């Protein structure tokens, strides 16, 4: 697997877990979210896909600025 692809997939995984942790924290501290468990997982997957795509596109640009 390409190093750039592996890096972007790991950033996507970070995005998924970050959203799920924030949603759980909101549930515990404020009130329940008006979304079911499956909706939260779906939103987390979308967040992860966006994070992976942005990191894949942004990495070469950030490395070029060094």
C-alpha atoms as a PDB file:
ATOM      1  CA  UNK A   1       0.000   0.000   0.000  1.00  0.00           C
ATOM      2  CA  UNK A   2       1.224   3.458  -0.892  1.00  0.00           C
ATOM      3  CA  UNK A   3       2.457   5.529   2.074  1.00  0.00           C
ATOM      4  CA  UNK A   4       0.224   8.447   1.096  1.00  0.00           C
ATOM      5  CA  UNK A   5      -2.890   6.247   0.898  1.00  0.00           C
ATOM      6  CA  UNK A   6      -2.113   4.617   4.244  1.00  0.00           C
ATOM      7  CA  UNK A   7      -1.666   8.031   5.857  1.00  0.00           C
ATOM      8  CA  UNK A   8      -4.956   9.352   4.493  1.00  0.00           C
ATOM      9  CA  UNK A   9      -6.840   6.232   5.606  1.00  0.00           C
ATOM     10  CA  UNK A  10      -5.444   6.606   9.106  1.00  0.00           C
ATOM     11  CA  UNK A  11      -6.567  10.261   9.177  1.00  0.00           C
ATOM     12  CA  UNK A  12      -9.997   9.079   8.101  1.00  0.00           C
ATOM     13  CA  UNK A  13     -10.032   6.620  11.004  1.00  0.00           C
ATOM     14  CA  UNK A  14      -9.070   9.452  13.356  1.00  0.00           C
ATOM     15  CA  UNK A  15     -11.999  11.466  11.990  1.00  0.00           C
ATOM     16  CA  UNK A  16     -14.433   8.595  12.561  1.00  0.00           C
ATOM     17  CA  UNK A  17     -13.343   8.054  16.145  1.00  0.00           C
ATOM     18  CA  UNK A  18     -13.203  11.780  16.888  1.00  0.00           C
ATOM     19  CA  UNK A  19     -16.805  12.230  15.789  1.00  0.00           C
ATOM     20  CA  UNK A  20     -18.003   9.230  17.778  1.00  0.00           C
ATOM     21  CA  UNK A  21     -16.185  10.407  20.914  1.00  0.00           C
ATOM     22  CA  UNK A  22     -17.613  13.911  20.568  1.00  0.00           C
ATOM     23  CA  UNK A  23     -21.123  12.547  20.057  1.00  0.00           C
ATOM     24  CA  UNK A  24     -20.770  10.335  23.131  1.00  0.00           C
ATOM     25  CA  UNK A  25     -19.463  13.250  25.185  1.00  0.00           C
ATOM     26  CA  UNK A  26     -22.404  15.381  24.082  1.00  0.00           C
ATOM     27  CA  UNK A  27     -24.774  12.619  25.159  1.00  0.00           C
ATOM     28  CA  UNK A  28     -23.147  12.354  28.565  1.00  0.00           C
ATOM     29  CA  UNK A  29     -22.730  16.044  29.349  1.00  0.00           C
ATOM     30  CA  UNK A  30     -25.547  17.911  27.620  1.00  0.00           C
ATOM     31  CA  UNK A  31     -28.439  15.811  26.348  1.00  0.00           C
ATOM     32  CA  UNK A  32     -29.179  13.022  23.916  1.00  0.00           C
ATOM     33  CA  UNK A  33     -28.612  13.632  20.234  1.00  0.00           C
ATOM     34  CA  UNK A  34     -31.698  13.354  18.050  1.00  0.00           C
ATOM     35  CA  UNK A  35     -29.958  10.710  15.931  1.00  0.00           C
ATOM     36  CA  UNK A  36     -30.079   6.942  16.254  1.00  0.00           C
ATOM     37  CA  UNK A  37     -27.012   4.753  16.621  1.00  0.00           C
ATOM     38  CA  UNK A  38     -26.995   3.847  12.930  1.00  0.00           C
ATOM     39  CA  UNK A  39     -27.341   7.497  11.943  1.00  0.00           C
ATOM     40  CA  UNK A  40     -24.342   8.360  14.104  1.00  0.00           C
ATOM     41  CA  UNK A  41     -22.282   5.595  12.529  1.00  0.00           C
ATOM     42  CA  UNK A  42     -23.298   6.828   9.066  1.00  0.00           C
ATOM     43  CA  UNK A  43     -22.338  10.395   9.908  1.00  0.00           C
ATOM     44  CA  UNK A  44     -19.045   9.164  11.355  1.00  0.00           C
ATOM     45  CA  UNK A  45     -18.281   7.307   8.117  1.00  0.00           C
ATOM     46  CA  UNK A  46     -18.998  10.436   6.099  1.00  0.00           C
ATOM     47  CA  UNK A  47     -16.742  12.470   8.396  1.00  0.00           C
ATOM     48  CA  UNK A  48     -14.018   9.853   8.007  1.00  0.00           C
ATOM     49  CA  UNK A  49     -14.324   9.823   4.234  1.00  0.00           C
ATOM     50  CA  UNK A  50     -14.087  13.610   4.094  1.00  0.00           C
ATOM     51  CA  UNK A  51     -11.068  13.608   6.429  1.00  0.00           C
ATOM     52  CA  UNK A  52      -9.348  10.938   4.339  1.00  0.00           C
ATOM     53  CA  UNK A  53     -10.054  12.783   1.090  1.00  0.00           C
ATOM     54  CA  UNK A  54      -8.888  16.134   2.397  1.00  0.00           C
ATOM     55  CA  UNK A  55      -5.705  14.664   3.835  1.00  0.00           C
ATOM     56  CA  UNK A  56      -4.990  12.827   0.565  1.00  0.00           C
ATOM     57  CA  UNK A  57      -5.347  16.044  -1.423  1.00  0.00           C
ATOM     58  CA  UNK A  58      -3.631  18.346   1.090  1.00  0.00           C
ATOM     59  CA  UNK A  59      -0.547  16.256   1.865  1.00  0.00           C
ATOM     60  CA  UNK A  60       1.405  17.016  -1.342  1.00  0.00           C
ATOM     61  CA  UNK A  61       0.572  20.709  -1.053  1.00  0.00           C
ATOM     62  CA  UNK A  62       1.757  20.849   2.533  1.00  0.00           C
ATOM     63  CA  UNK A  63       4.947  18.971   1.724  1.00  0.00           C
ATOM     64  CA  UNK A  64       5.658  21.342  -1.173  1.00  0.00           C
ATOM     65  CA  UNK A  65       5.615  24.322   1.204  1.00  0.00           C
ATOM     66  CA  UNK A  66       8.508  22.979   3.274  1.00  0.00           C
END
